[in-house]
Each structure stands twice: as structure tokens, then as C-alpha cells.
PDB file of N, CA and C in Angstrom:
ATOM      1  N   MET A   1     146.280 111.738  53.760  1.00  0.00           N
ATOM      2  CA  MET A   1     146.008 111.285  55.122  1.00  0.00           C
ATOM      3  C   MET A   1     146.214 109.775  55.211  1.00  0.00           C
ATOM      4  N   VAL A   2     146.740 109.372  56.345  1.00  0.00           N
ATOM      5  CA  VAL A   2     146.983 107.964  56.621  1.00  0.00           C
ATOM      6  C   VAL A   2     146.066 107.550  57.755  1.00  0.00           C
ATOM      7  N   ARG A   3     145.349 106.458  57.566  1.00  0.00           N
ATOM      8  CA  ARG A   3     144.522 105.912  58.643  1.00  0.00           C
ATOM      9  C   ARG A   3     145.360 104.869  59.372  1.00  0.00           C
ATOM     10  N   VAL A   4     145.521 105.088  60.687  1.00  0.00           N
ATOM     11  CA  VAL A   4     146.400 104.256  61.509  1.00  0.00           C
ATOM     12  C   VAL A   4     145.572 103.515  62.545  1.00  0.00           C
ATOM     13  N   LYS A   5     145.836 102.237  62.691  1.00  0.00           N
ATOM     14  CA  LYS A   5     145.170 101.430  63.712  1.00  0.00           C
ATOM     15  C   LYS A   5     146.087 101.305  64.927  1.00  0.00           C
ATOM     16  N   LEU A   6     145.504 101.486  66.106  1.00  0.00           N
ATOM     17  CA  LEU A   6     146.239 101.410  67.365  1.00  0.00           C
ATOM     18  C   LEU A   6     145.621 100.338  68.253  1.00  0.00           C
ATOM     19  N   SER A   7     146.445  99.772  69.125  1.00  0.00           N
ATOM     20  CA  SER A   7     145.913  98.823  70.099  1.00  0.00           C
ATOM     21  C   SER A   7     146.704  98.929  71.382  1.00  0.00           C
ATOM     22  N   GLY A   8     146.237  98.246  72.400  1.00  0.00           N
ATOM     23  CA  GLY A   8     146.928  98.188  73.679  1.00  0.00           C
ATOM     24  C   GLY A   8     147.234  99.547  74.264  1.00  0.00           C
ATOM     25  N   PRO A   9     148.466  99.731  74.763  1.00  0.00           N
ATOM     26  CA  PRO A   9     148.815 100.981  75.436  1.00  0.00           C
ATOM     27  C   PRO A   9     148.797 102.203  74.511  1.00  0.00           C
ATOM     28  N   LEU A  10     149.030 102.003  73.209  1.00  0.00           N
ATOM     29  CA  LEU A  10     148.965 103.139  72.288  1.00  0.00           C
ATOM     30  C   LEU A  10     147.526 103.646  72.156  1.00  0.00           C
ATOM     31  N   LYS A  11     146.595 102.725  72.141  1.00  0.00           N
ATOM     32  CA  LYS A  11     145.179 103.099  72.085  1.00  0.00           C
ATOM     33  C   LYS A  11     144.789 103.883  73.343  1.00  0.00           C
ATOM     34  N   VAL A  12     145.234 103.431  74.488  1.00  0.00           N
ATOM     35  CA  VAL A  12     144.948 104.118  75.747  1.00  0.00           C
ATOM     36  C   VAL A  12     145.551 105.528  75.715  1.00  0.00           C
ATOM     37  N   ALA A  13     146.799 105.644  75.244  1.00  0.00           N
ATOM     38  CA  ALA A  13     147.484 106.944  75.185  1.00  0.00           C
ATOM     39  C   ALA A  13     146.808 107.907  74.214  1.00  0.00           C
ATOM     40  N   ALA A  14     146.059 107.365  73.263  1.00  0.00           N
ATOM     41  CA  ALA A  14     145.338 108.192  72.300  1.00  0.00           C
ATOM     42  C   ALA A  14     143.911 108.458  72.768  1.00  0.00           C
ATOM     43  N   GLY A  15     143.671 108.319  74.061  1.00  0.00           N
ATOM     44  CA  GLY A  15     142.349 108.604  74.602  1.00  0.00           C
ATOM     45  C   GLY A  15     141.308 107.569  74.246  1.00  0.00           C
ATOM     46  N   GLY A  16     141.748 106.338  73.969  1.00  0.00           N
ATOM     47  CA  GLY A  16     140.814 105.265  73.651  1.00  0.00           C
ATOM     48  C   GLY A  16     140.508 105.131  72.169  1.00  0.00           C
ATOM     49  N   GLU A  17     141.125 105.964  71.355  1.00  0.00           N
ATOM     50  CA  GLU A  17     140.890 105.904  69.906  1.00  0.00           C
ATOM     51  C   GLU A  17     141.602 104.688  69.309  1.00  0.00           C
ATOM     52  N   ALA A  18     140.868 103.845  68.597  1.00  0.00           N
ATOM     53  CA  ALA A  18     141.458 102.667  67.967  1.00  0.00           C
ATOM     54  C   ALA A  18     141.998 102.985  66.578  1.00  0.00           C
ATOM     55  N   GLU A  19     141.489 104.051  65.962  1.00  0.00           N
ATOM     56  CA  GLU A  19     141.952 104.470  64.646  1.00  0.00           C
ATOM     57  C   GLU A  19     142.072 105.981  64.616  1.00  0.00           C
ATOM     58  N   LEU A  20     143.124 106.449  63.951  1.00  0.00           N
ATOM     59  CA  LEU A  20     143.356 107.884  63.797  1.00  0.00           C
ATOM     60  C   LEU A  20     143.705 108.178  62.351  1.00  0.00           C
ATOM     61  N   GLU A  21     143.432 109.385  61.909  1.00  0.00           N
ATOM     62  CA  GLU A  21     143.889 109.842  60.602  1.00  0.00           C
ATOM     63  C   GLU A  21     144.958 110.889  60.823  1.00  0.00           C
ATOM     64  N   VAL A  22     146.096 110.707  60.140  1.00  0.00           N
ATOM     65  CA  VAL A  22     147.251 111.573  60.329  1.00  0.00           C
ATOM     66  C   VAL A  22     147.806 111.927  58.955  1.00  0.00           C
ATOM     67  N   GLU A  23     148.217 113.178  58.797  1.00  0.00           N
ATOM     68  CA  GLU A  23     148.869 113.625  57.571  1.00  0.00           C
ATOM     69  C   GLU A  23     150.338 113.222  57.643  1.00  0.00           C
ATOM     70  N   ALA A  24     150.759 112.259  56.806  1.00  0.00           N
ATOM     71  CA  ALA A  24     152.147 111.796  56.810  1.00  0.00           C
ATOM     72  C   ALA A  24     152.461 111.110  55.494  1.00  0.00           C
ATOM     73  N   ALA A  25     153.672 111.353  55.004  1.00  0.00           N
ATOM     74  CA  ALA A  25     154.117 110.728  53.760  1.00  0.00           C
ATOM     75  C   ALA A  25     155.003 109.514  54.021  1.00  0.00           C
ATOM     76  N   ASN A  26     155.627 109.472  55.214  1.00  0.00           N
ATOM     77  CA  ASN A  26     156.508 108.349  55.529  1.00  0.00           C
ATOM     78  C   ASN A  26     156.392 107.993  57.011  1.00  0.00           C
ATOM     79  N   ILE A  27     157.089 106.936  57.413  1.00  0.00           N
ATOM     80  CA  ILE A  27     156.983 106.445  58.784  1.00  0.00           C
ATOM     81  C   ILE A  27     157.463 107.482  59.794  1.00  0.00           C
ATOM     82  N   HIS A  28     158.551 108.162  59.514  1.00  0.00           N
ATOM     83  CA  HIS A  28     159.072 109.181  60.439  1.00  0.00           C
ATOM     84  C   HIS A  28     158.037 110.273  60.677  1.00  0.00           C
ATOM     85  N   GLN A  29     157.446 110.786  59.620  1.00  0.00           N
ATOM     86  CA  GLN A  29     156.414 111.823  59.772  1.00  0.00           C
ATOM     87  C   GLN A  29     155.224 111.292  60.561  1.00  0.00           C
ATOM     88  N   LEU A  30     154.846 110.065  60.295  1.00  0.00           N
ATOM     89  CA  LEU A  30     153.716 109.465  60.996  1.00  0.00           C
ATOM     90  C   LEU A  30     153.955 109.410  62.502  1.00  0.00           C
ATOM     91  N   LEU A  31     155.106 108.883  62.905  1.00  0.00           N
ATOM     92  CA  LEU A  31     155.402 108.752  64.334  1.00  0.00           C
ATOM     93  C   LEU A  31     155.568 110.115  65.000  1.00  0.00           C
ATOM     94  N   THR A  32     156.186 111.057  64.297  1.00  0.00           N
ATOM     95  CA  THR A  32     156.356 112.414  64.830  1.00  0.00           C
ATOM     96  C   THR A  32     155.004 113.086  65.046  1.00  0.00           C
ATOM     97  N   ARG A  33     154.127 112.989  64.075  1.00  0.00           N
ATOM     98  CA  ARG A  33     152.815 113.637  64.189  1.00  0.00           C
ATOM     99  C   ARG A  33     151.947 112.971  65.247  1.00  0.00           C
ATOM    100  N   LEU A  34     152.039 111.665  65.359  1.00  0.00           N
ATOM    101  CA  LEU A  34     151.275 110.991  66.418  1.00  0.00           C
ATOM    102  C   LEU A  34     151.720 111.467  67.791  1.00  0.00           C
ATOM    103  N   ALA A  35     153.028 111.611  67.983  1.00  0.00           N
ATOM    104  CA  ALA A  35     153.555 112.089  69.265  1.00  0.00           C
ATOM    105  C   ALA A  35     153.126 113.523  69.542  1.00  0.00           C
ATOM    106  N   GLU A  36     153.017 114.350  68.497  1.00  0.00           N
ATOM    107  CA  GLU A  36     152.565 115.732  68.666  1.00  0.00           C
ATOM    108  C   GLU A  36     151.085 115.784  69.011  1.00  0.00           C
ATOM    109  N   LEU A  37     150.285 114.958  68.342  1.00  0.00           N
ATOM    110  CA  LEU A  37     148.841 114.952  68.573  1.00  0.00           C
ATOM    111  C   LEU A  37     148.465 114.328  69.916  1.00  0.00           C
ATOM    112  N   HIS A  38     149.236 113.341  70.340  1.00  0.00           N
ATOM    113  CA  HIS A  38     148.942 112.606  71.578  1.00  0.00           C
ATOM    114  C   HIS A  38     150.226 112.479  72.387  1.00  0.00           C
ATOM    115  N   PRO A  39     150.573 113.499  73.165  1.00  0.00           N
ATOM    116  CA  PRO A  39     151.832 113.510  73.925  1.00  0.00           C
ATOM    117  C   PRO A  39     152.043 112.294  74.834  1.00  0.00           C
ATOM    118  N   LYS A  40     150.981 111.684  75.322  1.00  0.00           N
ATOM    119  CA  LYS A  40     151.138 110.490  76.164  1.00  0.00           C
ATOM    120  C   LYS A  40     151.711 109.317  75.370  1.00  0.00           C
ATOM    121  N   MET A  41     151.582 109.368  74.062  1.00  0.00           N
ATOM    122  CA  MET A  41     152.082 108.314  73.203  1.00  0.00           C
ATOM    123  C   MET A  41     153.592 108.444  72.960  1.00  0.00           C
ATOM    124  N   LYS A  42     154.118 109.661  73.107  1.00  0.00           N
ATOM    125  CA  LYS A  42     155.516 109.933  72.763  1.00  0.00           C
ATOM    126  C   LYS A  42     156.515 109.006  73.455  1.00  0.00           C
ATOM    127  N   PRO A  43     156.444 108.807  74.783  1.00  0.00           N
ATOM    128  CA  PRO A  43     157.430 107.910  75.419  1.00  0.00           C
ATOM    129  C   PRO A  43     157.368 106.486  74.876  1.00  0.00           C
ATOM    130  N   MET A  44     156.193 106.013  74.561  1.00  0.00           N
ATOM    131  CA  MET A  44     156.044 104.665  74.020  1.00  0.00           C
ATOM    132  C   MET A  44     156.677 104.553  72.643  1.00  0.00           C
ATOM    133  N   LEU A  45     156.471 105.574  71.825  1.00  0.00           N
ATOM    134  CA  LEU A  45     157.046 105.574  70.480  1.00  0.00           C
ATOM    135  C   LEU A  45     158.565 105.714  70.537  1.00  0.00           C
ATOM    136  N   GLU A  46     159.054 106.499  71.506  1.00  0.00           N
ATOM    137  CA  GLU A  46     160.500 106.676  71.652  1.00  0.00           C
ATOM    138  C   GLU A  46     161.194 105.397  72.118  1.00  0.00           C
ATOM    139  N   ARG A  47     160.493 104.562  72.898  1.00  0.00           N
ATOM    140  CA  ARG A  47     161.062 103.277  73.346  1.00  0.00           C
ATOM    141  C   ARG A  47     161.195 102.311  72.180  1.00  0.00           C
ATOM    142  N   GLY A  48     160.420 102.554  71.159  1.00  0.00           N
ATOM    143  CA  GLY A  48     160.492 101.708  69.971  1.00  0.00           C
ATOM    144  C   GLY A  48     159.130 101.203  69.567  1.00  0.00           C
ATOM    145  N   ALA A  49     158.872 101.275  68.292  1.00  0.00           N
ATOM    146  CA  ALA A  49     157.628 100.772  67.743  1.00  0.00           C
ATOM    147  C   ALA A  49     157.908 100.293  66.331  1.00  0.00           C
ATOM    148  N   ALA A  50     157.164  99.302  65.922  1.00  0.00           N
ATOM    149  CA  ALA A  50     157.238  98.838  64.548  1.00  0.00           C
ATOM    150  C   ALA A  50     155.972  99.313  63.850  1.00  0.00           C
ATOM    151  N   VAL A  51     156.094  99.545  62.558  1.00  0.00           N
ATOM    152  CA  VAL A  51     154.947  99.985  61.776  1.00  0.00           C
ATOM    153  C   VAL A  51     154.699  98.942  60.697  1.00  0.00           C
ATOM    154  N   ALA A  52     153.483  98.443  60.652  1.00  0.00           N
ATOM    155  CA  ALA A  52     153.105  97.487  59.613  1.00  0.00           C
ATOM    156  C   ALA A  52     152.320  98.239  58.541  1.00  0.00           C
ATOM    157  N   ILE A  53     152.790  98.121  57.310  1.00  0.00           N
ATOM    158  CA  ILE A  53     152.111  98.728  56.168  1.00  0.00           C
ATOM    159  C   ILE A  53     151.674  97.586  55.268  1.00  0.00           C
ATOM    160  N   ASP A  54     150.367  97.430  55.139  1.00  0.00           N
ATOM    161  CA  ASP A  54     149.794  96.336  54.343  1.00  0.00           C
ATOM    162  C   ASP A  54     150.393  94.979  54.725  1.00  0.00           C
ATOM    163  N   GLY A  55     150.565  94.762  56.030  1.00  0.00           N
ATOM    164  CA  GLY A  55     151.016  93.476  56.530  1.00  0.00           C
ATOM    165  C   GLY A  55     152.528  93.295  56.590  1.00  0.00           C
ATOM    166  N   GLN A  56     153.297  94.203  56.004  1.00  0.00           N
ATOM    167  CA  GLN A  56     154.770  94.134  56.045  1.00  0.00           C
ATOM    168  C   GLN A  56     155.248  94.988  57.211  1.00  0.00           C
ATOM    169  N   ILE A  57     156.025  94.404  58.127  1.00  0.00           N
ATOM    170  CA  ILE A  57     156.485  95.125  59.309  1.00  0.00           C
ATOM    171  C   ILE A  57     157.808  95.819  59.028  1.00  0.00           C
ATOM    172  N   TYR A  58     157.858  97.110  59.382  1.00  0.00           N
ATOM    173  CA  TYR A  58     159.064  97.922  59.218  1.00  0.00           C
ATOM    174  C   TYR A  58     159.506  98.413  60.583  1.00  0.00           C
ATOM    175  N   ARG A  59     160.790  98.320  60.823  1.00  0.00           N
ATOM    176  CA  ARG A  59     161.365  98.823  62.068  1.00  0.00           C
ATOM    177  C   ARG A  59     162.647  99.544  61.686  1.00  0.00           C
ATOM    178  N   ASP A  60     162.778 100.769  62.119  1.00  0.00           N
ATOM    179  CA  ASP A  60     163.952 101.595  61.815  1.00  0.00           C
ATOM    180  C   ASP A  60     164.085 101.932  60.329  1.00  0.00           C
ATOM    181  N   ASP A  61     163.023 101.859  59.583  1.00  0.00           N
ATOM    182  CA  ASP A  61     163.019 102.248  58.169  1.00  0.00           C
ATOM    183  C   ASP A  61     162.207 103.546  58.073  1.00  0.00           C
ATOM    184  N   TRP A  62     162.732 104.588  58.737  1.00  0.00           N
ATOM    185  CA  TRP A  62     161.972 105.806  59.005  1.00  0.00           C
ATOM    186  C   TRP A  62     161.481 106.548  57.770  1.00  0.00           C
ATOM    187  N   PHE A  63     162.169 106.416  56.658  1.00  0.00           N
ATOM    188  CA  PHE A  63     161.759 107.184  55.487  1.00  0.00           C
ATOM    189  C   PHE A  63     161.024 106.334  54.459  1.00  0.00           C
ATOM    190  N   ARG A  64     160.535 105.183  54.894  1.00  0.00           N
ATOM    191  CA  ARG A  64     159.700 104.329  54.047  1.00  0.00           C
ATOM    192  C   ARG A  64     158.404 105.074  53.743  1.00  0.00           C
ATOM    193  N   ALA A  65     158.113 105.228  52.472  1.00  0.00           N
ATOM    194  CA  ALA A  65     156.880 105.912  52.059  1.00  0.00           C
ATOM    195  C   ALA A  65     155.666 105.072  52.447  1.00  0.00           C
ATOM    196  N   ILE A  66     154.584 105.771  52.763  1.00  0.00           N
ATOM    197  CA  ILE A  66     153.325 105.100  53.072  1.00  0.00           C
ATOM    198  C   ILE A  66     152.382 105.352  51.899  1.00  0.00           C
ATOM    199  N   PRO A  67     152.133 104.336  51.073  1.00  0.00           N
ATOM    200  CA  PRO A  67     151.253 104.523  49.924  1.00  0.00           C
ATOM    201  C   PRO A  67     149.829 104.864  50.357  1.00  0.00           C
ATOM    202  N   GLU A  68     149.191 105.716  49.604  1.00  0.00           N
ATOM    203  CA  GLU A  68     147.812 106.102  49.912  1.00  0.00           C
ATOM    204  C   GLU A  68     146.911 104.871  49.895  1.00  0.00           C
ATOM    205  N   GLY A  69     146.014 104.806  50.857  1.00  0.00           N
ATOM    206  CA  GLY A  69     145.076 103.705  50.950  1.00  0.00           C
ATOM    207  C   GLY A  69     145.622 102.468  51.641  1.00  0.00           C
ATOM    208  N   SER A  70     146.851 102.541  52.158  1.00  0.00           N
ATOM    209  CA  SER A  70     147.459 101.395  52.833  1.00  0.00           C
ATOM    210  C   SER A  70     146.826 101.162  54.198  1.00  0.00           C
ATOM    211  N   GLU A  71     146.861  99.900  54.633  1.00  0.00           N
ATOM    212  CA  GLU A  71     146.482  99.581  56.005  1.00  0.00           C
ATOM    213  C   GLU A  71     147.730  99.763  56.855  1.00  0.00           C
ATOM    214  N   VAL A  72     147.661 100.643  57.851  1.00  0.00           N
ATOM    215  CA  VAL A  72     148.822 100.939  58.705  1.00  0.00           C
ATOM    216  C   VAL A  72     148.465 100.604  60.146  1.00  0.00           C
ATOM    217  N   VAL A  73     149.338  99.806  60.770  1.00  0.00           N
ATOM    218  CA  VAL A  73     149.146  99.401  62.161  1.00  0.00           C
ATOM    219  C   VAL A  73     150.445  99.686  62.902  1.00  0.00           C
ATOM    220  N   ILE A  74     150.355 100.322  64.060  1.00  0.00           N
ATOM    221  CA  ILE A  74     151.543 100.570  64.874  1.00  0.00           C
ATOM    222  C   ILE A  74     151.581  99.524  65.981  1.00  0.00           C
ATOM    223  N   LEU A  75     152.736  98.879  66.081  1.00  0.00           N
ATOM    224  CA  LEU A  75     152.938  97.826  67.072  1.00  0.00           C
ATOM    225  C   LEU A  75     153.908  98.312  68.131  1.00  0.00           C
ATOM    226  N   PRO A  76     153.429  98.505  69.363  1.00  0.00           N
ATOM    227  CA  PRO A  76     154.332  98.960  70.420  1.00  0.00           C
ATOM    228  C   PRO A  76     155.371  97.900  70.743  1.00  0.00           C
ATOM    229  N   ARG A  77     156.503  98.361  71.239  1.00  0.00           N
ATOM    230  CA  ARG A  77     157.563  97.451  71.631  1.00  0.00           C
ATOM    231  C   ARG A  77     157.085  96.554  72.756  1.00  0.00           C
ATOM    232  N   MET A  78     157.330  95.275  72.606  1.00  0.00           N
ATOM    233  CA  MET A  78     156.931  94.310  73.624  1.00  0.00           C
ATOM    234  C   MET A  78     158.109  94.092  74.570  1.00  0.00           C
ATOM    235  N   VAL A  79     157.825  94.045  75.861  1.00  0.00           N
ATOM    236  CA  VAL A  79     158.869  93.812  76.855  1.00  0.00           C
ATOM    237  C   VAL A  79     158.491  92.594  77.674  1.00  0.00           C
ATOM    238  N   GLY A  80     159.476  92.042  78.301  1.00  0.00           N
ATOM    239  CA  GLY A  80     159.207  90.885  79.143  1.00  0.00           C
ATOM    240  C   GLY A  80     160.058  89.704  78.708  1.00  0.00           C
ATOM    241  N   GLY A  81     159.818  88.584  79.304  1.00  0.00           N
ATOM    242  CA  GLY A  81     160.635  87.424  78.991  1.00  0.00           C
ATOM    243  C   GLY A  81     159.862  86.179  78.889  1.00  0.00           C
TER     244      GLY A  81
END
């Protein structure tokens, strides 16, 4: 299980949950399962999100393994100018 921290619109889409536990071995599985568990989150994740694992930010590295006990934070895509 991976403990994931959420904030902003992702937290709202997860019903106000700031942290979730998800069964996932890599970033792709994590994002897929989050979208399945919280359908309101799916459009946000599809627009793009970065995943920080122990402070290192990954974007488009979908098969990056998530080591057990890691701190995982999902960062929604920022828009604006």
C-alpha cells in the first residue's frame, strides 16, 4: 500500500481526504487506481499531474517504482500565467 498526500482540487475531488492509501507498485498504477476510487479526480489527473516520491518530482515516468514507505505527494497541473 502507498500512502498518498493530496491537496487543493485533488483533495476536494477525493471528498476532502488529505491522505489516501492505495495499492500500487508504480506511478501508472497509482494514478489509475486513484481515478477508479475517486472518479471526480480522473479529469484532473488526465490533464496532467506530477508525482513526488520522497521529494523527487516525476512527470511522465509512469513505470517508476514506488518504494515501500515512501512519502508520495500528487501535484495537480498548475494553469494560469
